[in-house]
């Protein structure tokens, strides 16, 4: 494969970005992940030991040449759920490490992914700062908020996607225009972690707490298949035929089928992020626990969204 098809996978997690880029016809030449748990899953999924480790410690001169960079830089500091510390948090500094590598390697194209909360963090000043940083090192920046629900995944997951194109290569505005694709949720919720016993004292207590009593009727929910039940800390929420955003700390996703309630499995979580049956099966035959894989899935990128953007980047490049 020609050198101009190579990409580097930064803050790689379990490889959602990599898989999306590979499905667009590009080839990974290495990745960077500091957390040992997703790094282990990444190795399982891709049989790849080329982990360059901590992004902030990488010497760009040790990296092979590549034409594209994909990065899901840490979102905890910008999320609505988190403390929204932004650049005051050490994890927020990762963007400067990414910029350092982009500049040193003179990378023509990149794609960054983060939570939707980045748009309004610090009244928009954080995103403005990031864009100015990337513009200062020679890029024209475009960004958009996209929902995984529109890319063939039955998951409501809004994320901001930032595309950078070297100024000397910029010929037209990068268009975030994609044909919407729907999904049959039954094809994703196919291997649960087992039935939930809704007659258990703990579940009955939860259903009848002050937040849910009079508002939630389990018998009504059970009448239809694939009602997705999000068991939050106190209140329960129900979604028809679509899953709420998978998050690192969200483990209580249930769904209805055949008049019963089932627990979302790690296998199904991987499918809901677009990893497909091949990698879900690799997980299923590993020793990784359900809680661990669901944490990692919650931090992962949605593969079909990355694939669609990567294909547009390749078209732009050609």
Protein backbone atom coordinates (compact mmCIF):
# COMPACT_ATOMS: atom_id res chain seq x y z
CA UNK A 1 0.00 0.00 0.00
CA UNK A 2 1.21 3.50 -0.84
CA UNK A 3 2.49 5.69 1.98
CA UNK A 4 -0.30 8.24 1.46
CA UNK A 5 -2.85 5.71 2.70
CA UNK A 6 -1.29 5.45 6.16
CA UNK A 7 -2.86 6.80 9.34
CA UNK A 8 -1.91 7.07 13.00
CA UNK A 9 -4.52 6.25 15.67
CA UNK A 10 -4.23 8.56 18.71
CA UNK A 11 -6.02 8.02 22.04
CA UNK A 12 -7.10 4.86 20.29
CA UNK A 13 -9.27 3.29 22.97
CA UNK A 14 -10.56 -0.03 21.65
CA UNK A 15 -10.17 0.98 18.03
CA UNK A 16 -13.46 2.43 16.78
CA UNK A 17 -11.57 5.14 14.92
CA UNK A 18 -9.14 2.65 13.46
CA UNK A 19 -11.88 0.34 12.24
CA UNK A 20 -13.74 3.23 10.60
CA UNK A 21 -10.58 4.40 8.81
CA UNK A 22 -9.75 0.87 7.70
CA UNK A 23 -13.24 0.48 6.25
CA UNK A 24 -12.48 3.60 4.21
CA UNK A 25 -9.47 1.82 2.67
CA UNK A 26 -6.71 3.28 4.87
CA UNK A 27 -3.95 1.43 6.74
CA UNK A 28 -2.92 1.91 10.36
CA UNK A 29 0.82 2.30 11.04
CA UNK A 30 0.57 2.57 14.83
CA UNK A 31 -1.52 3.77 17.72
CA UNK A 32 -1.27 5.51 21.08
CA UNK A 33 -3.20 4.43 24.17
CA UNK A 34 -2.14 4.93 27.79
CA UNK A 35 -4.95 3.03 29.56
CA UNK A 36 -3.98 -0.66 29.85
CA UNK A 37 -7.56 -1.99 29.76
CA UNK A 38 -8.66 -0.64 26.36
CA UNK A 39 -5.11 -1.24 25.10
CA UNK A 40 -5.57 -4.94 25.87
CA UNK A 41 -8.93 -5.00 24.04
CA UNK A 42 -7.39 -3.15 21.08
CA UNK A 43 -4.69 -5.81 20.86
CA UNK A 44 -7.35 -8.53 21.00
CA UNK A 45 -9.35 -6.91 18.21
CA UNK A 46 -6.48 -6.04 15.87
CA UNK A 47 -3.59 -8.32 16.91
CA UNK A 48 -1.40 -5.22 16.92
CA UNK A 49 1.45 -4.46 19.36
CA UNK A 50 2.46 -1.12 17.82
CA UNK A 51 1.29 0.97 20.78
CA UNK A 52 3.50 4.05 21.16
CA UNK A 53 2.10 4.66 24.65
CA UNK A 54 1.58 8.04 26.28
CA UNK A 55 0.87 10.63 23.59
CA UNK A 56 2.46 13.37 25.69
CA UNK A 57 5.75 11.45 25.85
CA UNK A 58 5.99 10.48 22.16
CA UNK A 59 8.97 11.80 20.19
CA UNK A 60 7.45 12.52 16.74
CA UNK A 61 10.79 11.60 15.16
CA UNK A 62 10.21 7.99 16.24
CA UNK A 63 6.92 7.78 14.34
CA UNK A 64 6.62 6.46 10.79
CA UNK A 65 5.29 8.91 8.21
CA UNK A 66 1.52 9.02 7.74
CA UNK A 67 -1.00 11.10 5.84
CA UNK A 68 -4.00 10.97 8.20
CA UNK A 69 -4.47 11.16 11.95
CA UNK A 70 -7.54 10.03 13.89
CA UNK A 71 -7.99 10.95 17.55
CA UNK A 72 -10.78 10.59 20.09
CA UNK A 73 -9.11 12.90 22.58
CA UNK A 74 -10.36 12.69 26.20
CA UNK A 75 -13.89 13.94 26.57
CA UNK A 76 -14.31 13.78 30.35
CA UNK A 77 -13.16 17.36 30.83
CA UNK A 78 -15.67 18.74 28.33
CA UNK A 79 -18.70 16.52 28.97
CA UNK A 80 -21.98 17.75 30.42
CA UNK A 81 -21.73 14.77 32.77
CA UNK A 82 -18.22 15.65 33.94
CA UNK A 83 -16.94 18.68 35.85
CA UNK A 84 -16.30 20.61 32.60
CA UNK A 85 -12.85 21.66 33.75
CA UNK A 86 -11.54 21.94 30.18
CA UNK A 87 -7.93 23.05 29.82
CA UNK A 88 -7.55 23.25 33.61
CA UNK A 89 -7.64 19.43 33.68
CA UNK A 90 -4.51 17.50 32.66
CA UNK A 91 -6.58 15.44 30.22
CA UNK A 92 -7.59 18.65 28.45
CA UNK A 93 -3.93 19.20 27.62
CA UNK A 94 -3.95 16.20 25.25
CA UNK A 95 -5.03 18.49 22.41
CA UNK A 96 -1.64 20.22 22.69
CA UNK A 97 0.11 16.86 22.37
CA UNK A 98 -1.92 16.10 19.25
CA UNK A 99 -1.07 19.52 17.78
CA UNK A 100 2.63 18.91 18.48
CA UNK A 101 2.60 15.67 16.47
CA UNK A 102 0.52 17.16 13.65
CA UNK A 103 3.01 20.00 13.27
CA UNK A 104 6.16 17.89 13.58
CA UNK A 105 4.94 15.25 11.10
CA UNK A 106 3.31 17.81 8.76
CA UNK A 107 0.19 15.63 8.60
CA UNK A 108 -2.09 16.64 5.68
CA UNK A 109 -5.44 15.53 7.16
CA UNK A 110 -6.87 14.76 10.58
CA UNK A 111 -10.16 13.89 12.26
CA UNK A 112 -10.86 14.55 15.95
CA UNK A 113 -13.91 13.37 17.91
CA UNK A 114 -15.28 14.68 21.19
CA UNK A 115 -18.51 15.07 23.15
CA UNK A 116 -21.16 17.53 22.03
CA UNK A 117 -20.56 19.50 25.25
CA UNK A 118 -17.30 20.77 23.77
CA UNK A 119 -19.30 23.15 21.56
CA UNK A 120 -20.63 25.18 24.48
CA UNK A 121 -17.94 24.53 27.08
CA UNK A 122 -16.88 27.80 28.69
CA UNK A 123 -19.42 29.62 26.46
CA UNK A 124 -17.66 28.41 23.32
CA UNK A 125 -14.22 29.68 24.34
CA UNK A 126 -12.70 26.19 24.64
CA UNK A 127 -13.63 25.18 21.08
CA UNK A 128 -12.50 28.58 19.80
CA UNK A 129 -9.14 28.04 21.53
CA UNK A 130 -8.77 24.56 20.00
CA UNK A 131 -9.60 25.82 16.51
CA UNK A 132 -7.16 28.73 16.82
CA UNK A 133 -4.45 26.34 18.02
CA UNK A 134 -4.96 24.10 14.98
CA UNK A 135 -5.22 27.03 12.57
CA UNK A 136 -1.95 28.43 13.90
CA UNK A 137 -0.12 25.26 12.87
CA UNK A 138 -1.44 25.45 9.32
CA UNK A 139 -4.90 23.88 9.10
CA UNK A 140 -8.30 24.91 7.82
CA UNK A 141 -10.86 23.59 10.30
CA UNK A 142 -14.42 22.35 9.77
CA UNK A 143 -16.63 20.75 12.40
CA UNK A 144 -20.14 19.39 12.87
CA UNK A 145 -22.26 17.61 15.46
CA UNK A 146 -23.42 14.24 14.11
CA UNK A 147 -25.71 11.62 15.63
CA UNK A 148 -24.81 7.92 15.36
CA UNK A 149 -28.54 7.28 15.01
CA UNK A 150 -28.31 8.66 11.45
CA UNK A 151 -25.52 6.26 10.42
CA UNK A 152 -27.20 2.88 10.75
CA UNK A 153 -26.80 2.45 14.50
CA UNK A 154 -29.86 2.45 16.82
CA UNK A 155 -28.04 4.59 19.39
CA UNK A 156 -28.68 8.26 20.17
CA UNK A 157 -25.09 9.46 20.33
CA UNK A 158 -24.27 13.04 19.41
CA UNK A 159 -20.60 13.88 19.05
CA UNK A 160 -18.64 16.76 17.56
CA UNK A 161 -16.31 15.84 14.70
CA UNK A 162 -13.47 18.18 13.77
CA UNK A 163 -11.73 17.86 10.40
CA UNK A 164 -8.42 19.56 9.66
CA UNK A 165 -6.98 20.05 6.17
CA UNK A 166 -3.58 21.60 5.49
CA UNK A 167 -4.00 25.09 4.06
CA UNK A 168 -1.97 24.29 0.96
CA UNK A 169 -4.27 21.34 0.20
CA UNK A 170 -7.53 23.16 0.94
CA UNK A 171 -9.51 23.62 -2.28
CA UNK A 172 -13.13 23.59 -1.09
CA UNK A 173 -15.11 23.43 2.14
CA UNK A 174 -15.27 19.99 3.70
CA UNK A 175 -18.93 18.93 3.60
CA UNK A 176 -20.46 17.02 6.50
CA UNK A 177 -23.36 15.85 4.33
CA UNK A 178 -24.33 12.21 4.56
CA UNK A 179 -27.38 10.19 3.57
CA UNK A 180 -29.23 9.14 6.71
CA UNK A 181 -29.40 5.40 7.39
CA UNK A 182 -31.80 3.73 9.81
CA UNK A 183 -31.30 0.43 11.62
CA UNK A 184 -33.33 -2.56 12.79
CA UNK A 185 -32.57 -2.74 16.50
CA UNK A 186 -33.41 -6.45 16.65
CA UNK A 187 -30.20 -7.15 14.73
CA UNK A 188 -28.18 -5.48 17.48
CA UNK A 189 -29.93 -6.79 20.59
CA UNK A 190 -29.35 -10.45 19.88
CA UNK A 191 -27.10 -11.78 22.67
CA UNK A 192 -28.10 -10.44 26.05
CA UNK A 193 -26.51 -11.10 29.43
CA UNK A 194 -29.70 -12.83 30.53
CA UNK A 195 -33.16 -12.08 31.83
CA UNK A 196 -33.67 -9.59 34.64
CA UNK A 197 -35.98 -10.87 37.35
CA UNK A 198 -38.42 -7.98 37.58
CA UNK A 199 -40.14 -9.54 40.58
CA UNK A 200 -37.01 -9.17 42.71
CA UNK A 201 -37.41 -6.93 45.80
CA UNK A 202 -34.66 -4.55 44.66
CA UNK A 203 -36.18 -3.96 41.21
CA UNK A 204 -39.69 -3.56 42.64
CA UNK A 205 -38.36 -1.02 45.12
CA UNK A 206 -36.68 0.87 42.27
CA UNK A 207 -39.83 0.85 40.11
CA UNK A 208 -41.89 2.11 43.02
CA UNK A 209 -39.55 4.79 44.32
CA UNK A 210 -40.75 8.41 44.47
CA UNK A 211 -39.28 9.21 41.05
CA UNK A 212 -40.96 6.35 39.16
CA UNK A 213 -44.20 5.51 40.96
CA UNK A 214 -47.25 6.65 39.02
CA UNK A 215 -45.05 7.45 36.04
CA UNK A 216 -43.77 4.00 35.05
CA UNK A 217 -45.96 0.97 34.39
CA UNK A 218 -43.86 -2.11 33.76
CA UNK A 219 -46.80 -4.05 32.29
CA UNK A 220 -47.23 -1.36 29.63
CA UNK A 221 -43.51 -1.34 28.83
CA UNK A 222 -43.47 -5.13 28.44
CA UNK A 223 -46.21 -5.11 25.79
CA UNK A 224 -43.78 -4.06 23.04
CA UNK A 225 -40.45 -5.58 22.05
CA UNK A 226 -37.31 -3.46 22.15
CA UNK A 227 -38.37 -0.81 24.57
CA UNK A 228 -35.00 0.30 25.89
CA UNK A 229 -34.96 0.91 29.63
CA UNK A 230 -32.33 3.22 31.06
CA UNK A 231 -32.08 2.59 34.80
CA UNK A 232 -30.52 5.79 36.05
CA UNK A 233 -29.51 6.34 39.66
CA UNK A 234 -33.04 7.29 40.67
CA UNK A 235 -35.44 7.62 37.74
CA UNK A 236 -36.11 5.20 34.92
CA UNK A 237 -36.38 6.31 31.29
CA UNK A 238 -37.81 4.38 28.36
CA UNK A 239 -36.95 4.71 24.66
CA UNK A 240 -38.73 2.94 21.83
CA UNK A 241 -36.55 1.07 19.33
CA UNK A 242 -33.41 3.09 20.10
CA UNK A 243 -30.73 3.10 22.75
CA UNK A 244 -29.60 6.12 24.77
CA UNK A 245 -25.96 7.15 24.56
CA UNK A 246 -23.63 4.43 25.77
CA UNK A 247 -21.31 5.97 28.36
CA UNK A 248 -18.45 4.74 30.48
CA UNK A 249 -20.48 4.97 33.67
CA UNK A 250 -23.82 3.85 32.25
CA UNK A 251 -24.24 0.15 32.99
CA UNK A 252 -27.98 -0.19 33.63
CA UNK A 253 -29.36 -0.54 30.10
CA UNK A 254 -32.17 -3.08 29.76
CA UNK A 255 -34.58 -3.99 26.96
CA UNK A 256 -37.87 -5.80 26.48
CA UNK A 257 -38.45 -8.84 24.31
CA UNK A 258 -41.20 -11.44 24.42
CA UNK A 259 -42.71 -9.94 27.55
CA UNK A 260 -39.45 -10.17 29.48
CA UNK A 261 -36.67 -7.76 30.42
CA UNK A 262 -33.08 -8.48 29.40
CA UNK A 263 -29.73 -6.97 30.35
CA UNK A 264 -27.60 -5.33 27.67
CA UNK A 265 -24.45 -7.38 27.13
CA UNK A 266 -20.94 -6.36 26.17
CA UNK A 267 -21.48 -8.17 22.87
CA UNK A 268 -24.54 -6.03 22.15
CA UNK A 269 -22.75 -2.87 23.28
CA UNK A 270 -20.04 -3.50 20.70
CA UNK A 271 -22.67 -4.00 17.99
CA UNK A 272 -24.35 -0.74 18.99
CA UNK A 273 -21.05 1.05 18.34
CA UNK A 274 -20.58 -0.65 14.97
CA UNK A 275 -17.77 -3.08 15.82
CA UNK A 276 -19.58 -5.97 14.17
CA UNK A 277 -19.97 -9.63 15.08
CA UNK A 278 -16.35 -10.60 14.35
CA UNK A 279 -14.89 -8.41 17.08
CA UNK A 280 -17.86 -8.91 19.39
CA UNK A 281 -17.18 -12.63 19.20
CA UNK A 282 -13.51 -12.07 20.00
CA UNK A 283 -14.62 -10.28 23.13
CA UNK A 284 -17.15 -13.03 23.96
CA UNK A 285 -14.40 -15.66 23.99
CA UNK A 286 -12.00 -13.50 26.05
CA UNK A 287 -11.72 -13.00 29.80
CA UNK A 288 -12.83 -9.36 29.64
CA UNK A 289 -15.80 -8.77 31.93
CA UNK A 290 -19.11 -7.24 30.85
CA UNK A 291 -18.58 -4.17 33.04
CA UNK A 292 -15.11 -3.55 31.62
CA UNK A 293 -16.15 -3.86 27.98
CA UNK A 294 -19.20 -1.65 28.49
CA UNK A 295 -16.96 1.01 30.05
CA UNK A 296 -14.70 0.81 27.01
CA UNK A 297 -17.62 0.79 24.57
CA UNK A 298 -18.96 3.92 26.26
CA UNK A 299 -15.70 5.74 25.49
CA UNK A 300 -15.40 4.37 21.95
CA UNK A 301 -16.13 6.07 18.64
CA UNK A 302 -19.07 4.94 16.50
CA UNK A 303 -17.47 3.06 13.62
CA UNK A 304 -19.94 3.92 10.81
CA UNK A 305 -19.70 7.65 11.54
CA UNK A 306 -15.90 7.56 11.37
CA UNK A 307 -16.07 5.45 8.20
CA UNK A 308 -18.37 7.97 6.48
CA UNK A 309 -16.17 10.95 7.36
CA UNK A 310 -12.98 9.08 6.43
CA UNK A 311 -14.39 8.21 3.01
CA UNK A 312 -15.13 11.88 2.42
CA UNK A 313 -11.59 12.78 3.49
CA UNK A 314 -10.16 10.25 1.04
CA UNK A 315 -12.34 11.64 -1.76
CA UNK A 316 -11.18 15.13 -0.88
CA UNK A 317 -7.55 13.97 -0.95
CA UNK A 318 -7.90 12.34 -4.37
